[in-house]
Amino acid sequence: MFQNQLNDQLTQAQTKAVENAKFLAQVAVESAKELAEINQAAAKDALVAAQDTSAQLLAIKDAQQLSKLAQPETAQEAAKYAAAYQAKVNKVVRNSSKEVAQVVEASIDDARADMVKFVKEATKTAPAGSEAFVSTFKTVFETSLQQFDQVRASATDAFANFEKSVETAMANFQGQYAVVKPAVKSRKAA
């Protein structure tokens, strides 16, 4: 009877694993699709910008017009464009990561619950006279579960800190390329 329960639990675990794998594959496909759409839009925008720049270069008749094209505002616009592109990519990656993390968390919770159930079932059918061993085993098992939960909490904190670091770095990057108004040249009094 115990063997049948074990086989049923293993079958259920395998079924959950297959379902999780399908879901994760779907998340990966959707993320890849979103990234492809972002890259396609970026390529179109870059092509339009290149065509505009080419047209402006062909229309140049003197050095003064050329100097107008090489203004800091042009570089700032390119940086803003790059930052916006990076923000879109980060959003897709962050959303995908959250979905994967949720699946992993649920899988861990399910596996933990299955292990607890398995240990309870296994210790119920322990032979008479093994109470001391069963008690020691349960104590060690509970301690290992507590340690596992502590490691899991530390990993969750580390992931949250990593996300905050990425967000801060992106904000700093975007802040560096904020539009700066050119300084007005002052005239010397004659």
N, C-alpha and C. Protein backbone atom coordinates (compact mmCIF):
# COMPACT_ATOMS: atom_id res chain seq x y z
N MET A 1 0.80 -1.18 0.00
CA MET A 1 0.00 0.00 0.00
C MET A 1 0.86 1.27 0.00
N PHE A 2 1.92 1.26 0.79
CA PHE A 2 2.82 2.41 0.84
C PHE A 2 3.46 2.66 -0.52
N GLN A 3 3.80 1.58 -1.23
CA GLN A 3 4.42 1.70 -2.55
C GLN A 3 3.45 2.37 -3.54
N ASN A 4 2.18 2.03 -3.45
CA ASN A 4 1.17 2.65 -4.32
C ASN A 4 1.07 4.16 -4.05
N GLN A 5 1.09 4.53 -2.78
CA GLN A 5 1.04 5.95 -2.44
C GLN A 5 2.25 6.69 -2.98
N LEU A 6 3.40 6.05 -2.83
CA LEU A 6 4.64 6.64 -3.33
C LEU A 6 4.57 6.81 -4.84
N ASN A 7 4.10 5.78 -5.54
CA ASN A 7 3.97 5.86 -7.00
C ASN A 7 2.99 6.96 -7.42
N ASP A 8 1.89 7.08 -6.69
CA ASP A 8 0.92 8.13 -6.99
C ASP A 8 1.54 9.52 -6.80
N GLN A 9 2.28 9.69 -5.71
CA GLN A 9 2.92 10.97 -5.46
C GLN A 9 3.95 11.30 -6.54
N LEU A 10 4.71 10.31 -6.96
CA LEU A 10 5.70 10.53 -8.02
C LEU A 10 5.02 10.90 -9.34
N THR A 11 3.92 10.23 -9.63
CA THR A 11 3.18 10.53 -10.85
C THR A 11 2.63 11.96 -10.81
N GLN A 12 2.08 12.35 -9.68
CA GLN A 12 1.56 13.70 -9.53
C GLN A 12 2.69 14.73 -9.66
N ALA A 13 3.82 14.44 -9.08
CA ALA A 13 4.96 15.35 -9.16
C ALA A 13 5.44 15.50 -10.61
N GLN A 14 5.48 14.39 -11.33
CA GLN A 14 5.88 14.45 -12.74
C GLN A 14 4.88 15.23 -13.57
N THR A 15 3.60 15.05 -13.30
CA THR A 15 2.56 15.79 -14.02
C THR A 15 2.70 17.29 -13.77
N LYS A 16 2.93 17.66 -12.50
CA LYS A 16 3.14 19.08 -12.17
C LYS A 16 4.37 19.62 -12.87
N ALA A 17 5.42 18.84 -12.92
CA ALA A 17 6.66 19.27 -13.56
C ALA A 17 6.45 19.51 -15.05
N VAL A 18 5.69 18.63 -15.70
CA VAL A 18 5.39 18.81 -17.13
C VAL A 18 4.55 20.07 -17.35
N GLU A 19 3.55 20.29 -16.49
CA GLU A 19 2.72 21.49 -16.60
C GLU A 19 3.56 22.74 -16.41
N ASN A 20 4.44 22.72 -15.43
CA ASN A 20 5.31 23.87 -15.19
C ASN A 20 6.25 24.11 -16.37
N ALA A 21 6.78 23.05 -16.94
CA ALA A 21 7.66 23.19 -18.09
C ALA A 21 6.92 23.80 -19.28
N LYS A 22 5.68 23.38 -19.49
CA LYS A 22 4.87 23.95 -20.57
C LYS A 22 4.64 25.43 -20.33
N PHE A 23 4.29 25.79 -19.10
CA PHE A 23 4.04 27.19 -18.78
C PHE A 23 5.30 28.03 -18.98
N LEU A 24 6.44 27.52 -18.51
CA LEU A 24 7.70 28.25 -18.66
C LEU A 24 8.07 28.40 -20.13
N ALA A 25 7.79 27.38 -20.92
CA ALA A 25 8.04 27.48 -22.37
C ALA A 25 7.16 28.55 -22.99
N GLN A 26 5.91 28.61 -22.55
CA GLN A 26 4.98 29.64 -23.05
C GLN A 26 5.47 31.03 -22.67
N VAL A 27 5.95 31.20 -21.45
CA VAL A 27 6.48 32.49 -21.00
C VAL A 27 7.69 32.87 -21.85
N ALA A 28 8.55 31.91 -22.13
CA ALA A 28 9.74 32.18 -22.94
C ALA A 28 9.35 32.60 -24.36
N VAL A 29 8.37 31.93 -24.94
CA VAL A 29 7.93 32.26 -26.30
C VAL A 29 7.31 33.66 -26.32
N GLU A 30 6.46 33.96 -25.35
CA GLU A 30 5.82 35.28 -25.30
C GLU A 30 6.86 36.38 -25.10
N SER A 31 7.84 36.13 -24.25
CA SER A 31 8.90 37.12 -24.03
C SER A 31 9.72 37.32 -25.29
N ALA A 32 10.05 36.24 -25.96
CA ALA A 32 10.81 36.34 -27.21
C ALA A 32 10.02 37.12 -28.26
N LYS A 33 8.72 36.89 -28.31
CA LYS A 33 7.86 37.61 -29.26
C LYS A 33 7.86 39.11 -28.94
N GLU A 34 7.69 39.45 -27.66
CA GLU A 34 7.70 40.86 -27.26
C GLU A 34 9.04 41.52 -27.58
N LEU A 35 10.14 40.81 -27.30
CA LEU A 35 11.46 41.36 -27.60
C LEU A 35 11.66 41.53 -29.11
N ALA A 36 11.15 40.59 -29.89
CA ALA A 36 11.26 40.72 -31.35
C ALA A 36 10.48 41.93 -31.84
N GLU A 37 9.30 42.16 -31.28
CA GLU A 37 8.50 43.33 -31.66
C GLU A 37 9.23 44.63 -31.28
N ILE A 38 9.83 44.66 -30.10
CA ILE A 38 10.59 45.85 -29.67
C ILE A 38 11.76 46.08 -30.61
N ASN A 39 12.48 44.99 -30.95
CA ASN A 39 13.63 45.13 -31.84
C ASN A 39 13.22 45.54 -33.25
N GLN A 40 12.10 45.03 -33.72
CA GLN A 40 11.61 45.42 -35.04
C GLN A 40 11.26 46.90 -35.06
N ALA A 41 10.57 47.37 -34.04
CA ALA A 41 10.23 48.79 -33.96
C ALA A 41 11.50 49.65 -33.86
N ALA A 42 12.48 49.19 -33.09
CA ALA A 42 13.74 49.92 -32.96
C ALA A 42 14.47 49.98 -34.30
N ALA A 43 14.45 48.88 -35.03
CA ALA A 43 15.11 48.85 -36.34
C ALA A 43 14.42 49.82 -37.31
N LYS A 44 13.11 49.85 -37.29
CA LYS A 44 12.37 50.79 -38.15
C LYS A 44 12.71 52.23 -37.78
N ASP A 45 12.70 52.51 -36.48
CA ASP A 45 13.02 53.87 -36.02
C ASP A 45 14.45 54.26 -36.41
N ALA A 46 15.38 53.33 -36.27
CA ALA A 46 16.77 53.60 -36.63
C ALA A 46 16.90 53.85 -38.13
N LEU A 47 16.16 53.11 -38.94
CA LEU A 47 16.18 53.31 -40.38
C LEU A 47 15.64 54.69 -40.75
N VAL A 48 14.54 55.07 -40.12
CA VAL A 48 13.95 56.39 -40.39
C VAL A 48 14.94 57.48 -39.98
N ALA A 49 15.56 57.32 -38.81
CA ALA A 49 16.53 58.32 -38.33
C ALA A 49 17.73 58.40 -39.27
N ALA A 50 18.18 57.25 -39.75
CA ALA A 50 19.32 57.24 -40.69
C ALA A 50 18.94 57.92 -42.00
N GLN A 51 17.74 57.69 -42.47
CA GLN A 51 17.28 58.34 -43.70
C GLN A 51 17.19 59.85 -43.50
N ASP A 52 16.67 60.28 -42.36
CA ASP A 52 16.58 61.71 -42.08
C ASP A 52 17.96 62.35 -42.02
N THR A 53 18.87 61.69 -41.34
CA THR A 53 20.23 62.21 -41.23
C THR A 53 20.90 62.27 -42.60
N SER A 54 20.68 61.24 -43.40
CA SER A 54 21.26 61.23 -44.76
C SER A 54 20.71 62.38 -45.58
N ALA A 55 19.41 62.61 -45.47
CA ALA A 55 18.80 63.71 -46.21
C ALA A 55 19.37 65.05 -45.75
N GLN A 56 19.56 65.20 -44.44
CA GLN A 56 20.13 66.43 -43.92
C GLN A 56 21.57 66.62 -44.39
N LEU A 57 22.34 65.52 -44.39
CA LEU A 57 23.73 65.61 -44.86
C LEU A 57 23.81 65.98 -46.33
N LEU A 58 22.91 65.44 -47.13
CA LEU A 58 22.92 65.74 -48.56
C LEU A 58 22.50 67.19 -48.84
N ALA A 59 21.74 67.77 -47.93
CA ALA A 59 21.26 69.13 -48.12
C ALA A 59 22.26 70.18 -47.63
N ILE A 60 23.35 69.77 -47.02
CA ILE A 60 24.33 70.71 -46.47
C ILE A 60 25.05 71.44 -47.61
N LYS A 61 25.13 72.76 -47.44
CA LYS A 61 25.79 73.56 -48.46
C LYS A 61 27.01 74.28 -47.90
N ASP A 62 27.08 74.42 -46.58
CA ASP A 62 28.26 75.08 -46.01
C ASP A 62 28.58 74.47 -44.63
N ALA A 63 29.72 74.85 -44.08
CA ALA A 63 30.20 74.30 -42.81
C ALA A 63 29.31 74.67 -41.64
N GLN A 64 28.66 75.81 -41.69
CA GLN A 64 27.80 76.24 -40.60
C GLN A 64 26.61 75.29 -40.45
N GLN A 65 26.06 74.84 -41.56
CA GLN A 65 24.96 73.88 -41.50
C GLN A 65 25.43 72.55 -40.92
N LEU A 66 26.65 72.17 -41.27
CA LEU A 66 27.21 70.92 -40.74
C LEU A 66 27.38 71.01 -39.23
N SER A 67 27.83 72.16 -38.73
CA SER A 67 28.03 72.31 -37.29
C SER A 67 26.71 72.25 -36.54
N LYS A 68 25.62 72.67 -37.18
CA LYS A 68 24.31 72.59 -36.53
C LYS A 68 23.87 71.14 -36.31
N LEU A 69 24.29 70.26 -37.23
CA LEU A 69 23.93 68.85 -37.08
C LEU A 69 24.69 68.19 -35.92
N ALA A 70 25.87 68.66 -35.62
CA ALA A 70 26.71 68.04 -34.59
C ALA A 70 26.52 68.72 -33.24
N GLN A 71 25.31 68.98 -32.84
CA GLN A 71 25.01 69.64 -31.57
C GLN A 71 24.83 68.59 -30.47
N PRO A 72 25.05 68.97 -29.22
CA PRO A 72 24.87 68.03 -28.10
C PRO A 72 23.44 67.50 -28.00
N GLU A 73 22.49 68.30 -28.45
CA GLU A 73 21.09 67.86 -28.39
C GLU A 73 20.88 66.59 -29.21
N THR A 74 21.62 66.48 -30.31
CA THR A 74 21.49 65.29 -31.16
C THR A 74 21.95 64.05 -30.40
N ALA A 75 23.07 64.18 -29.71
CA ALA A 75 23.57 63.05 -28.91
C ALA A 75 22.62 62.73 -27.77
N GLN A 76 22.03 63.77 -27.17
CA GLN A 76 21.09 63.55 -26.08
C GLN A 76 19.84 62.83 -26.58
N GLU A 77 19.37 63.18 -27.75
CA GLU A 77 18.21 62.50 -28.33
C GLU A 77 18.51 61.02 -28.56
N ALA A 78 19.70 60.73 -29.06
CA ALA A 78 20.09 59.34 -29.28
C ALA A 78 20.17 58.58 -27.96
N ALA A 79 20.71 59.23 -26.93
CA ALA A 79 20.81 58.60 -25.62
C ALA A 79 19.43 58.36 -25.02
N LYS A 80 18.52 59.33 -25.19
CA LYS A 80 17.16 59.14 -24.69
C LYS A 80 16.48 57.98 -25.41
N TYR A 81 16.71 57.89 -26.70
CA TYR A 81 16.15 56.79 -27.48
C TYR A 81 16.68 55.45 -26.98
N ALA A 82 17.99 55.39 -26.75
CA ALA A 82 18.61 54.15 -26.25
C ALA A 82 18.07 53.80 -24.86
N ALA A 83 17.90 54.81 -24.02
CA ALA A 83 17.37 54.56 -22.68
C ALA A 83 15.93 54.05 -22.74
N ALA A 84 15.13 54.62 -23.63
CA ALA A 84 13.74 54.17 -23.77
C ALA A 84 13.70 52.73 -24.27
N TYR A 85 14.57 52.41 -25.21
CA TYR A 85 14.66 51.04 -25.73
C TYR A 85 15.03 50.08 -24.60
N GLN A 86 16.05 50.46 -23.82
CA GLN A 86 16.51 49.62 -22.71
C GLN A 86 15.40 49.44 -21.68
N ALA A 87 14.62 50.48 -21.41
CA ALA A 87 13.53 50.38 -20.45
C ALA A 87 12.48 49.38 -20.93
N LYS A 88 12.18 49.40 -22.21
CA LYS A 88 11.20 48.45 -22.75
C LYS A 88 11.70 47.01 -22.62
N VAL A 89 12.97 46.81 -22.94
CA VAL A 89 13.56 45.47 -22.83
C VAL A 89 13.57 45.02 -21.37
N ASN A 90 13.95 45.92 -20.47
CA ASN A 90 13.98 45.59 -19.04
C ASN A 90 12.60 45.20 -18.54
N LYS A 91 11.57 45.90 -19.01
CA LYS A 91 10.21 45.60 -18.56
C LYS A 91 9.82 44.18 -18.97
N VAL A 92 10.13 43.81 -20.20
CA VAL A 92 9.80 42.46 -20.68
C VAL A 92 10.57 41.42 -19.86
N VAL A 93 11.84 41.66 -19.67
CA VAL A 93 12.67 40.70 -18.93
C VAL A 93 12.21 40.61 -17.47
N ARG A 94 11.89 41.76 -16.86
CA ARG A 94 11.44 41.76 -15.47
C ARG A 94 10.12 41.01 -15.32
N ASN A 95 9.18 41.24 -16.24
CA ASN A 95 7.90 40.53 -16.16
C ASN A 95 8.09 39.03 -16.32
N SER A 96 8.95 38.64 -17.25
CA SER A 96 9.23 37.22 -17.45
C SER A 96 9.86 36.61 -16.21
N SER A 97 10.79 37.35 -15.63
CA SER A 97 11.47 36.85 -14.42
C SER A 97 10.48 36.66 -13.28
N LYS A 98 9.54 37.59 -13.16
CA LYS A 98 8.54 37.46 -12.08
C LYS A 98 7.67 36.23 -12.31
N GLU A 99 7.27 35.99 -13.55
CA GLU A 99 6.45 34.81 -13.82
C GLU A 99 7.22 33.53 -13.53
N VAL A 100 8.49 33.50 -13.93
CA VAL A 100 9.32 32.32 -13.67
C VAL A 100 9.49 32.14 -12.16
N ALA A 101 9.74 33.23 -11.46
CA ALA A 101 9.91 33.15 -10.00
C ALA A 101 8.65 32.62 -9.32
N GLN A 102 7.49 33.05 -9.81
CA GLN A 102 6.24 32.57 -9.24
C GLN A 102 6.07 31.07 -9.45
N VAL A 103 6.42 30.59 -10.65
CA VAL A 103 6.32 29.16 -10.92
C VAL A 103 7.29 28.38 -10.04
N VAL A 104 8.50 28.90 -9.90
CA VAL A 104 9.50 28.22 -9.06
C VAL A 104 9.03 28.20 -7.61
N GLU A 105 8.51 29.33 -7.13
CA GLU A 105 8.00 29.39 -5.74
C GLU A 105 6.88 28.37 -5.53
N ALA A 106 5.95 28.32 -6.47
CA ALA A 106 4.84 27.37 -6.35
C ALA A 106 5.35 25.94 -6.39
N SER A 107 6.33 25.67 -7.24
CA SER A 107 6.90 24.33 -7.32
C SER A 107 7.59 23.94 -6.02
N ILE A 108 8.30 24.89 -5.44
CA ILE A 108 8.98 24.62 -4.17
C ILE A 108 7.96 24.35 -3.08
N ASP A 109 6.90 25.16 -3.04
CA ASP A 109 5.85 24.96 -2.04
C ASP A 109 5.19 23.58 -2.21
N ASP A 110 4.91 23.22 -3.46
CA ASP A 110 4.30 21.91 -3.72
C ASP A 110 5.23 20.77 -3.31
N ALA A 111 6.50 20.90 -3.67
CA ALA A 111 7.47 19.85 -3.33
C ALA A 111 7.62 19.73 -1.82
N ARG A 112 7.63 20.85 -1.14
CA ARG A 112 7.75 20.85 0.32
C ARG A 112 6.53 20.15 0.94
N ALA A 113 5.34 20.52 0.46
CA ALA A 113 4.11 19.90 0.98
C ALA A 113 4.10 18.40 0.70
N ASP A 114 4.54 18.00 -0.48
CA ASP A 114 4.60 16.58 -0.82
C ASP A 114 5.58 15.83 0.07
N MET A 115 6.73 16.46 0.37
CA MET A 115 7.71 15.81 1.24
C MET A 115 7.17 15.66 2.66
N VAL A 116 6.50 16.69 3.15
CA VAL A 116 5.92 16.61 4.49
C VAL A 116 4.88 15.50 4.53
N LYS A 117 4.04 15.43 3.54
CA LYS A 117 3.02 14.39 3.46
C LYS A 117 3.67 13.00 3.40
N PHE A 118 4.71 12.90 2.58
CA PHE A 118 5.41 11.62 2.44
C PHE A 118 6.01 11.18 3.78
N VAL A 119 6.66 12.10 4.47
CA VAL A 119 7.27 11.75 5.76
C VAL A 119 6.19 11.33 6.77
N LYS A 120 5.08 12.04 6.79
CA LYS A 120 4.00 11.68 7.71
C LYS A 120 3.48 10.27 7.39
N GLU A 121 3.27 9.99 6.12
CA GLU A 121 2.77 8.67 5.73
C GLU A 121 3.80 7.58 6.05
N ALA A 122 5.07 7.88 5.79
CA ALA A 122 6.11 6.88 6.04
C ALA A 122 6.27 6.59 7.52
N THR A 123 6.16 7.63 8.33
CA THR A 123 6.35 7.40 9.77
C THR A 123 5.13 6.78 10.43
N LYS A 124 3.97 6.89 9.82
CA LYS A 124 2.77 6.25 10.37
C LYS A 124 2.91 4.74 10.36
N THR A 125 3.55 4.24 9.34
CA THR A 125 3.65 2.78 9.18
C THR A 125 4.96 2.23 9.74
N ALA A 126 5.64 3.01 10.55
CA ALA A 126 6.90 2.54 11.14
C ALA A 126 6.61 1.39 12.11
N PRO A 127 7.50 0.42 12.15
CA PRO A 127 7.27 -0.72 13.04
C PRO A 127 7.34 -0.32 14.52
N ALA A 128 6.71 -1.11 15.32
CA ALA A 128 6.70 -0.87 16.77
C ALA A 128 8.13 -0.92 17.30
N GLY A 129 8.42 -0.05 18.25
CA GLY A 129 9.76 -0.02 18.85
C GLY A 129 10.68 0.99 18.17
N SER A 130 10.24 1.60 17.08
CA SER A 130 11.10 2.56 16.37
C SER A 130 10.70 4.01 16.66
N GLU A 131 9.97 4.22 17.73
CA GLU A 131 9.47 5.56 18.05
C GLU A 131 10.60 6.56 18.25
N ALA A 132 11.68 6.16 18.90
CA ALA A 132 12.80 7.07 19.14
C ALA A 132 13.44 7.47 17.82
N PHE A 133 13.62 6.49 16.93
CA PHE A 133 14.20 6.79 15.62
C PHE A 133 13.27 7.72 14.83
N VAL A 134 11.98 7.44 14.83
CA VAL A 134 11.01 8.24 14.09
C VAL A 134 11.00 9.66 14.64
N SER A 135 11.04 9.82 15.94
CA SER A 135 11.05 11.15 16.56
C SER A 135 12.30 11.93 16.15
N THR A 136 13.45 11.26 16.20
CA THR A 136 14.70 11.90 15.79
C THR A 136 14.65 12.29 14.32
N PHE A 137 14.15 11.37 13.50
CA PHE A 137 14.04 11.64 12.06
C PHE A 137 13.15 12.85 11.81
N LYS A 138 11.99 12.91 12.47
CA LYS A 138 11.07 14.04 12.28
C LYS A 138 11.72 15.36 12.72
N THR A 139 12.47 15.33 13.82
CA THR A 139 13.15 16.53 14.30
C THR A 139 14.18 17.01 13.28
N VAL A 140 14.98 16.09 12.78
CA VAL A 140 15.99 16.44 11.77
C VAL A 140 15.31 16.95 10.50
N PHE A 141 14.23 16.30 10.11
CA PHE A 141 13.50 16.71 8.91
C PHE A 141 12.94 18.13 9.06
N GLU A 142 12.32 18.42 10.21
CA GLU A 142 11.76 19.76 10.46
C GLU A 142 12.87 20.82 10.48
N THR A 143 14.01 20.48 11.07
CA THR A 143 15.14 21.41 11.11
C THR A 143 15.64 21.71 9.70
N SER A 144 15.75 20.68 8.88
CA SER A 144 16.21 20.90 7.51
C SER A 144 15.21 21.74 6.71
N LEU A 145 13.92 21.55 6.97
CA LEU A 145 12.91 22.38 6.30
C LEU A 145 13.04 23.85 6.73
N GLN A 146 13.30 24.08 8.00
CA GLN A 146 13.48 25.45 8.49
C GLN A 146 14.71 26.10 7.85
N GLN A 147 15.79 25.35 7.75
CA GLN A 147 17.01 25.88 7.12
C GLN A 147 16.76 26.17 5.64
N PHE A 148 16.03 25.29 4.99
CA PHE A 148 15.69 25.50 3.59
C PHE A 148 14.87 26.78 3.44
N ASP A 149 13.91 27.01 4.33
CA ASP A 149 13.09 28.22 4.27
C ASP A 149 13.94 29.47 4.47
N GLN A 150 14.95 29.38 5.34
CA GLN A 150 15.84 30.52 5.54
C GLN A 150 16.66 30.82 4.28
N VAL A 151 17.15 29.79 3.63
CA VAL A 151 17.90 29.96 2.38
C VAL A 151 16.99 30.56 1.31
N ARG A 152 15.79 30.07 1.26
CA ARG A 152 14.82 30.57 0.29
C ARG A 152 14.52 32.05 0.53
N ALA A 153 14.35 32.45 1.78
CA ALA A 153 14.09 33.85 2.11
C ALA A 153 15.30 34.72 1.74
N SER A 154 16.49 34.22 1.98
CA SER A 154 17.70 34.96 1.61
C SER A 154 17.79 35.13 0.10
N ALA A 155 17.46 34.09 -0.65
CA ALA A 155 17.48 34.17 -2.11
C ALA A 155 16.44 35.16 -2.61
N THR A 156 15.28 35.19 -2.00
CA THR A 156 14.23 36.14 -2.38
C THR A 156 14.70 37.57 -2.12
N ASP A 157 15.33 37.80 -0.98
CA ASP A 157 15.87 39.13 -0.66
C ASP A 157 16.96 39.53 -1.66
N ALA A 158 17.83 38.59 -1.99
CA ALA A 158 18.90 38.89 -2.94
C ALA A 158 18.33 39.26 -4.31
N PHE A 159 17.30 38.56 -4.74
CA PHE A 159 16.67 38.87 -6.03
C PHE A 159 16.03 40.25 -5.99
N ALA A 160 15.36 40.58 -4.90
CA ALA A 160 14.73 41.90 -4.76
C ALA A 160 15.79 43.00 -4.77
N ASN A 161 16.91 42.78 -4.09
CA ASN A 161 18.00 43.75 -4.08
C ASN A 161 18.61 43.91 -5.47
N PHE A 162 18.73 42.82 -6.19
CA PHE A 162 19.26 42.87 -7.56
C PHE A 162 18.34 43.71 -8.44
N GLU A 163 17.02 43.49 -8.33
CA GLU A 163 16.07 44.27 -9.13
C GLU A 163 16.18 45.76 -8.80
N LYS A 164 16.31 46.09 -7.52
CA LYS A 164 16.46 47.49 -7.12
C LYS A 164 17.73 48.08 -7.70
N SER A 165 18.82 47.31 -7.71
CA SER A 165 20.08 47.78 -8.27
C SER A 165 19.95 48.07 -9.76
N VAL A 166 19.27 47.19 -10.48
CA VAL A 166 19.08 47.39 -11.91
C VAL A 166 18.24 48.64 -12.15
N GLU A 167 17.17 48.80 -11.38
CA GLU A 167 16.31 49.99 -11.53
C GLU A 167 17.09 51.26 -11.23
N THR A 168 17.91 51.25 -10.20
CA THR A 168 18.72 52.42 -9.85
C THR A 168 19.72 52.73 -10.95
N ALA A 169 20.36 51.70 -11.47
CA ALA A 169 21.34 51.90 -12.55
C ALA A 169 20.66 52.49 -13.79
N MET A 170 19.46 52.00 -14.12
CA MET A 170 18.74 52.54 -15.27
C MET A 170 18.34 53.98 -15.03
N ALA A 171 17.89 54.31 -13.83
CA ALA A 171 17.52 55.69 -13.51
C ALA A 171 18.73 56.61 -13.60
N ASN A 172 19.88 56.14 -13.12
CA ASN A 172 21.11 56.94 -13.21
C ASN A 172 21.52 57.14 -14.65
N PHE A 173 21.40 56.10 -15.45
CA PHE A 173 21.75 56.19 -16.87
C PHE A 173 20.87 57.20 -17.57
N GLN A 174 19.57 57.11 -17.31
CA GLN A 174 18.64 58.03 -17.95
C GLN A 174 18.86 59.45 -17.44
N GLY A 175 19.19 59.61 -16.18
CA GLY A 175 19.43 60.92 -15.61
C GLY A 175 20.66 61.60 -16.18
N GLN A 176 21.65 60.81 -16.58
CA GLN A 176 22.86 61.37 -17.15
C GLN A 176 22.60 62.03 -18.50
N TYR A 177 21.58 61.57 -19.17
CA TYR A 177 21.31 62.08 -20.51
C TYR A 177 20.05 62.93 -20.57
N ALA A 178 19.73 63.55 -19.46
CA ALA A 178 18.59 64.46 -19.44
C ALA A 178 18.92 65.65 -20.34
N VAL A 179 17.90 66.21 -20.93
CA VAL A 179 18.12 67.32 -21.84
C VAL A 179 18.67 68.52 -21.06
N VAL A 180 19.80 68.99 -21.52
CA VAL A 180 20.45 70.13 -20.91
C VAL A 180 20.30 71.30 -21.87
N LYS A 181 19.81 72.42 -21.37
CA LYS A 181 19.66 73.61 -22.20
C LYS A 181 21.03 74.25 -22.37
N PRO A 182 21.35 74.63 -23.59
CA PRO A 182 22.66 75.28 -23.80
C PRO A 182 22.72 76.60 -23.03
N ALA A 183 23.90 76.88 -22.51
CA ALA A 183 24.09 78.11 -21.75
C ALA A 183 24.03 79.30 -22.69
N VAL A 184 23.45 80.38 -22.22
CA VAL A 184 23.38 81.60 -23.00
C VAL A 184 24.72 82.32 -22.86
N LYS A 185 25.28 82.69 -24.01
CA LYS A 185 26.57 83.38 -23.98
C LYS A 185 26.36 84.80 -23.49
N SER A 186 27.17 85.18 -22.54
CA SER A 186 27.05 86.53 -22.01
C SER A 186 27.93 87.48 -22.82
N ARG A 187 27.50 88.67 -22.95
CA ARG A 187 28.27 89.67 -23.68
C ARG A 187 29.09 90.49 -22.69
N LYS A 188 30.27 90.77 -23.09
CA LYS A 188 31.13 91.62 -22.23
C LYS A 188 30.72 93.07 -22.44
N ALA A 189 30.71 93.78 -21.35
CA ALA A 189 30.36 95.21 -21.44
C ALA A 189 31.50 95.96 -22.13
N ALA A 190 31.15 96.82 -23.05
CA ALA A 190 32.15 97.55 -23.82
C ALA A 190 32.68 98.76 -23.14
